[in-house]
N, C-alpha and C. Protein backbone atom coordinates (compact mmCIF):
# COMPACT_ATOMS: atom_id res chain seq x y z
N UNK A 1 177.69 164.07 86.93
CA UNK A 1 177.49 165.38 87.53
C UNK A 1 176.77 165.16 88.88
N UNK A 2 176.99 166.04 89.75
CA UNK A 2 176.39 165.98 91.06
C UNK A 2 176.21 167.40 91.62
N UNK A 3 175.18 167.65 92.30
CA UNK A 3 174.96 168.94 92.96
C UNK A 3 174.54 168.69 94.39
N UNK A 4 175.04 169.57 95.27
CA UNK A 4 174.75 169.40 96.71
C UNK A 4 173.97 170.60 97.15
N UNK A 5 172.76 170.39 97.73
CA UNK A 5 171.93 171.47 98.26
C UNK A 5 172.70 172.20 99.31
N UNK A 6 173.44 171.46 100.21
CA UNK A 6 174.15 172.08 101.24
C UNK A 6 175.19 173.11 100.76
N UNK A 7 175.91 172.75 99.68
CA UNK A 7 176.90 173.66 99.16
C UNK A 7 176.22 174.81 98.41
N UNK A 8 175.15 174.60 97.69
CA UNK A 8 174.48 175.59 96.91
C UNK A 8 173.78 176.63 97.83
N UNK A 9 173.29 176.17 98.94
CA UNK A 9 172.68 177.08 99.89
C UNK A 9 173.59 178.14 100.44
N UNK A 10 174.92 177.82 100.47
CA UNK A 10 175.92 178.82 100.90
C UNK A 10 176.03 179.98 99.91
N UNK A 11 175.56 179.80 98.70
CA UNK A 11 175.60 180.89 97.67
C UNK A 11 174.39 181.72 97.68
N UNK A 12 173.37 181.39 98.52
CA UNK A 12 172.09 182.12 98.53
C UNK A 12 171.98 182.92 99.81
N UNK A 13 171.34 184.09 99.75
CA UNK A 13 170.95 184.74 98.49
C UNK A 13 172.15 185.32 97.80
N UNK A 14 171.93 185.42 96.45
CA UNK A 14 172.93 186.08 95.60
C UNK A 14 172.79 187.63 95.66
N UNK A 15 173.44 188.30 94.84
CA UNK A 15 173.38 189.84 94.81
C UNK A 15 171.97 190.33 94.61
N UNK A 16 171.63 191.40 95.26
CA UNK A 16 170.36 192.09 95.10
C UNK A 16 170.21 192.68 93.72
N UNK A 17 169.03 192.67 93.17
CA UNK A 17 168.69 193.33 91.89
C UNK A 17 167.38 194.09 92.04
N UNK A 18 167.06 194.82 90.99
CA UNK A 18 165.75 195.52 91.10
C UNK A 18 164.58 194.53 91.17
N UNK A 19 164.69 193.43 90.54
CA UNK A 19 163.63 192.41 90.55
C UNK A 19 163.67 191.64 91.83
N UNK A 20 164.84 191.40 92.36
CA UNK A 20 165.06 190.56 93.58
C UNK A 20 165.78 191.45 94.66
N UNK A 21 165.04 192.43 95.26
CA UNK A 21 165.73 193.34 96.21
C UNK A 21 166.27 192.56 97.48
N UNK A 22 165.75 191.38 97.77
CA UNK A 22 166.27 190.58 98.95
C UNK A 22 167.48 189.76 98.53
N UNK A 23 167.89 189.83 97.21
CA UNK A 23 169.01 189.04 96.75
C UNK A 23 168.49 187.90 95.89
N UNK A 24 169.30 187.51 94.87
CA UNK A 24 168.86 186.40 93.97
C UNK A 24 168.60 185.12 94.81
N UNK A 25 167.39 184.58 94.67
CA UNK A 25 166.99 183.42 95.44
C UNK A 25 167.31 182.07 94.78
N UNK A 26 168.07 182.07 93.71
CA UNK A 26 168.33 180.84 93.02
C UNK A 26 169.82 180.85 92.52
N UNK A 27 170.33 179.62 92.34
CA UNK A 27 171.63 179.42 91.79
C UNK A 27 171.60 178.17 90.94
N UNK A 28 172.38 178.20 89.82
CA UNK A 28 172.37 177.05 88.94
C UNK A 28 173.24 175.95 89.55
N UNK A 29 172.73 174.71 89.46
CA UNK A 29 173.38 173.55 90.04
C UNK A 29 174.07 172.75 88.92
N UNK A 30 173.31 172.51 87.86
CA UNK A 30 173.80 171.62 86.77
C UNK A 30 173.26 172.15 85.38
N UNK A 31 173.96 171.83 84.35
CA UNK A 31 173.42 172.17 83.03
C UNK A 31 174.00 171.13 82.04
N UNK A 32 173.18 170.75 81.06
CA UNK A 32 173.57 169.91 79.96
C UNK A 32 172.57 170.08 78.85
N UNK A 33 173.06 170.41 77.66
CA UNK A 33 172.14 170.58 76.54
C UNK A 33 171.03 171.64 76.92
N UNK A 34 169.76 171.29 76.70
CA UNK A 34 168.68 172.24 77.02
C UNK A 34 168.25 172.18 78.48
N UNK A 35 168.84 171.20 79.28
CA UNK A 35 168.44 170.98 80.63
C UNK A 35 169.33 171.83 81.54
N UNK A 36 168.67 172.46 82.51
CA UNK A 36 169.40 173.13 83.61
C UNK A 36 168.64 172.83 84.90
N UNK A 37 169.44 172.82 86.02
CA UNK A 37 168.87 172.57 87.34
C UNK A 37 169.30 173.74 88.24
N UNK A 38 168.35 174.27 89.04
CA UNK A 38 168.63 175.32 89.92
C UNK A 38 168.11 174.95 91.28
N UNK A 39 168.73 175.56 92.31
CA UNK A 39 168.14 175.45 93.69
C UNK A 39 167.55 176.84 93.91
N UNK A 40 166.30 176.87 94.37
CA UNK A 40 165.46 178.08 94.52
C UNK A 40 165.00 178.14 95.98
N UNK A 41 165.38 179.28 96.62
CA UNK A 41 164.94 179.55 98.01
C UNK A 41 164.48 181.00 98.06
N UNK A 42 163.16 181.26 97.78
CA UNK A 42 162.65 182.60 97.84
C UNK A 42 162.73 183.20 99.22
N UNK A 43 162.91 184.47 99.33
CA UNK A 43 162.95 185.23 100.54
C UNK A 43 161.95 186.38 100.38
N UNK A 44 160.98 186.46 101.33
CA UNK A 44 160.05 187.58 101.30
C UNK A 44 158.89 187.32 100.29
N UNK A 45 159.21 187.49 99.00
CA UNK A 45 158.19 187.28 97.96
C UNK A 45 158.85 186.63 96.79
N UNK A 46 158.06 185.85 96.03
CA UNK A 46 158.52 185.20 94.79
C UNK A 46 158.11 186.08 93.63
N UNK A 47 159.16 186.66 93.00
CA UNK A 47 158.89 187.62 91.88
C UNK A 47 159.04 187.00 90.51
N UNK A 48 159.13 185.67 90.42
CA UNK A 48 159.43 185.07 89.10
C UNK A 48 158.28 185.31 88.11
N UNK A 49 158.64 185.29 86.86
CA UNK A 49 157.79 185.47 85.70
C UNK A 49 157.79 184.13 84.93
N UNK A 50 156.80 183.97 84.07
CA UNK A 50 156.75 182.74 83.29
C UNK A 50 158.10 182.53 82.54
N UNK A 51 158.44 181.28 82.46
CA UNK A 51 159.72 180.88 81.79
C UNK A 51 159.44 180.36 80.37
N UNK A 52 160.46 180.38 79.57
CA UNK A 52 160.33 179.95 78.13
C UNK A 52 160.41 178.37 78.00
N UNK A 53 160.84 177.70 79.04
CA UNK A 53 160.94 176.22 78.94
C UNK A 53 159.95 175.56 79.91
N UNK A 54 159.63 174.33 79.67
CA UNK A 54 158.89 173.53 80.62
C UNK A 54 159.76 173.43 81.91
N UNK A 55 159.09 173.18 82.99
CA UNK A 55 159.84 173.03 84.30
C UNK A 55 159.16 172.14 85.28
N UNK A 56 159.99 171.56 86.10
CA UNK A 56 159.54 170.71 87.22
C UNK A 56 160.13 171.32 88.53
N UNK A 57 159.32 171.35 89.56
CA UNK A 57 159.77 171.82 90.89
C UNK A 57 159.71 170.53 91.76
N UNK A 58 160.84 170.23 92.35
CA UNK A 58 160.94 169.12 93.39
C UNK A 58 161.08 169.80 94.74
N UNK A 59 160.00 169.79 95.54
CA UNK A 59 160.10 170.49 96.82
C UNK A 59 160.99 169.71 97.75
N UNK A 60 162.12 170.33 98.21
CA UNK A 60 163.13 169.70 99.02
C UNK A 60 162.86 169.89 100.52
N UNK A 61 162.35 171.06 100.89
CA UNK A 61 162.11 171.34 102.32
C UNK A 61 161.01 172.34 102.46
N UNK A 62 160.32 172.29 103.58
CA UNK A 62 159.27 173.33 103.93
C UNK A 62 157.95 173.06 103.22
N UNK A 63 157.12 174.09 103.26
CA UNK A 63 155.79 174.11 102.66
C UNK A 63 155.51 175.46 102.02
N UNK A 64 154.52 175.39 101.14
CA UNK A 64 154.14 176.60 100.41
C UNK A 64 152.77 176.41 99.79
N UNK A 65 152.24 177.54 99.34
CA UNK A 65 151.13 177.50 98.37
C UNK A 65 151.73 177.87 97.01
N UNK A 66 151.23 177.19 95.99
CA UNK A 66 151.72 177.38 94.65
C UNK A 66 150.58 177.84 93.75
N UNK A 67 150.76 179.01 93.16
CA UNK A 67 149.75 179.54 92.22
C UNK A 67 150.25 179.19 90.82
N UNK A 68 149.40 178.51 90.10
CA UNK A 68 149.70 177.99 88.75
C UNK A 68 148.57 178.33 87.81
N UNK A 69 148.68 179.31 87.00
CA UNK A 69 147.66 179.70 86.06
C UNK A 69 146.26 179.92 86.78
N UNK A 70 146.30 180.57 87.92
CA UNK A 70 145.10 180.88 88.61
C UNK A 70 144.65 179.82 89.64
N UNK A 71 145.26 178.63 89.62
CA UNK A 71 144.95 177.56 90.54
C UNK A 71 145.84 177.62 91.74
N UNK A 72 145.34 177.46 92.90
CA UNK A 72 146.16 177.46 94.17
C UNK A 72 146.30 176.02 94.71
N UNK A 73 147.55 175.61 94.88
CA UNK A 73 147.83 174.25 95.33
C UNK A 73 148.74 174.34 96.62
N UNK A 74 148.48 173.50 97.56
CA UNK A 74 149.40 173.35 98.70
C UNK A 74 150.47 172.34 98.31
N UNK A 75 151.69 172.67 98.74
CA UNK A 75 152.82 171.70 98.46
C UNK A 75 153.74 171.71 99.64
N UNK A 76 154.47 170.60 99.72
CA UNK A 76 155.42 170.40 100.86
C UNK A 76 156.53 169.53 100.39
N UNK A 77 157.54 169.40 101.25
CA UNK A 77 158.72 168.52 100.96
C UNK A 77 158.26 167.16 100.42
N UNK A 78 158.79 166.71 99.33
CA UNK A 78 158.45 165.43 98.76
C UNK A 78 157.50 165.55 97.57
N UNK A 79 156.93 166.74 97.37
CA UNK A 79 156.01 166.93 96.22
C UNK A 79 156.78 167.33 94.99
N UNK A 80 156.17 167.13 93.82
CA UNK A 80 156.73 167.57 92.53
C UNK A 80 155.60 168.32 91.78
N UNK A 81 155.96 169.40 91.15
CA UNK A 81 155.05 170.23 90.44
C UNK A 81 155.52 170.43 89.00
N UNK A 82 154.61 170.42 88.02
CA UNK A 82 154.95 170.66 86.65
C UNK A 82 154.33 171.93 86.18
N UNK A 83 155.08 172.73 85.44
CA UNK A 83 154.62 173.98 84.85
C UNK A 83 155.06 174.02 83.41
N UNK A 84 154.04 174.07 82.46
CA UNK A 84 154.45 174.20 81.09
C UNK A 84 155.09 175.57 80.81
N UNK A 85 155.87 175.68 79.80
CA UNK A 85 156.47 176.94 79.39
C UNK A 85 155.38 178.05 79.23
N UNK A 86 155.80 179.21 79.69
CA UNK A 86 155.06 180.42 79.57
C UNK A 86 153.81 180.54 80.41
N UNK A 87 153.57 179.56 81.35
CA UNK A 87 152.43 179.65 82.23
C UNK A 87 152.76 180.45 83.45
N UNK A 88 151.89 181.43 83.78
CA UNK A 88 152.18 182.19 85.07
C UNK A 88 152.15 181.32 86.27
N UNK A 89 153.10 181.54 87.21
CA UNK A 89 153.15 180.71 88.42
C UNK A 89 154.06 181.42 89.42
N UNK A 90 153.84 181.11 90.72
CA UNK A 90 154.73 181.61 91.82
C UNK A 90 154.39 180.87 93.08
N UNK A 91 155.29 180.95 94.02
CA UNK A 91 155.08 180.40 95.33
C UNK A 91 154.63 181.51 96.27
N UNK A 92 153.67 181.29 97.15
CA UNK A 92 153.23 182.24 98.14
C UNK A 92 153.12 181.56 99.50
N UNK A 93 153.16 182.37 100.54
CA UNK A 93 152.96 181.88 101.92
C UNK A 93 153.90 180.75 102.22
N UNK A 94 155.13 180.83 101.76
CA UNK A 94 156.11 179.74 101.98
C UNK A 94 156.76 179.79 103.38
N UNK A 95 157.07 178.67 103.91
CA UNK A 95 157.76 178.65 105.24
C UNK A 95 159.17 179.16 105.11
N UNK A 96 159.68 179.50 106.24
CA UNK A 96 161.04 180.09 106.23
C UNK A 96 162.14 179.07 105.79
N UNK A 97 161.82 177.80 105.88
CA UNK A 97 162.77 176.71 105.43
C UNK A 97 162.49 176.24 104.01
N UNK A 98 161.62 176.89 103.25
CA UNK A 98 161.20 176.42 101.94
C UNK A 98 162.38 176.42 100.97
N UNK A 99 162.60 175.27 100.32
CA UNK A 99 163.64 175.15 99.27
C UNK A 99 163.10 174.25 98.22
N UNK A 100 163.37 174.46 96.94
CA UNK A 100 162.91 173.60 95.87
C UNK A 100 164.00 173.54 94.80
N UNK A 101 164.12 172.35 94.27
CA UNK A 101 164.91 172.15 93.00
C UNK A 101 164.08 172.56 91.82
N UNK A 102 164.60 173.16 90.81
CA UNK A 102 163.88 173.51 89.60
C UNK A 102 164.64 172.89 88.45
N UNK A 103 163.92 172.15 87.58
CA UNK A 103 164.53 171.55 86.40
C UNK A 103 163.86 172.18 85.16
N UNK A 104 164.64 172.80 84.34
CA UNK A 104 164.17 173.36 83.12
C UNK A 104 164.74 172.48 81.94
N UNK A 105 163.85 172.29 80.91
CA UNK A 105 164.34 171.48 79.74
C UNK A 105 163.52 171.78 78.51
N UNK A 106 164.12 171.39 77.39
CA UNK A 106 163.36 171.50 76.13
C UNK A 106 163.46 172.83 75.41
N UNK A 107 162.78 172.91 74.27
CA UNK A 107 162.82 174.12 73.50
C UNK A 107 162.02 175.27 74.08
N UNK A 108 162.36 176.51 73.67
CA UNK A 108 161.54 177.67 74.06
C UNK A 108 160.11 177.42 73.60
N UNK A 109 159.19 177.65 74.45
CA UNK A 109 157.76 177.44 74.14
C UNK A 109 157.31 176.10 74.66
N UNK A 110 158.17 175.23 75.06
CA UNK A 110 157.81 173.94 75.67
C UNK A 110 157.64 172.84 74.61
N UNK A 111 157.41 171.67 75.10
CA UNK A 111 157.27 170.46 74.24
C UNK A 111 155.81 170.22 73.91
């Protein structure tokens, strides 16, 4: 399996929804078993809610602040962030070129 950020970015943003009025900022790249990979490029604001699986963010481009369970972290291209299942989190103050890969895996509730 292979995914190309260049090809996936052509699909973003996706259709607008009530939750994502600027259009869906993510698209699935790969999936196998409990693992899935998405490319995430928020526009305007990050409206995501806690997820049922553990996740990793691999920052591919740009910079951002990351709120993780009340803690604020600076992140930039080359960084990786871990978020356990069900933990509140979001990106804020992200640069216009901000893009991150997201990897979800494992059972609902986390490992």
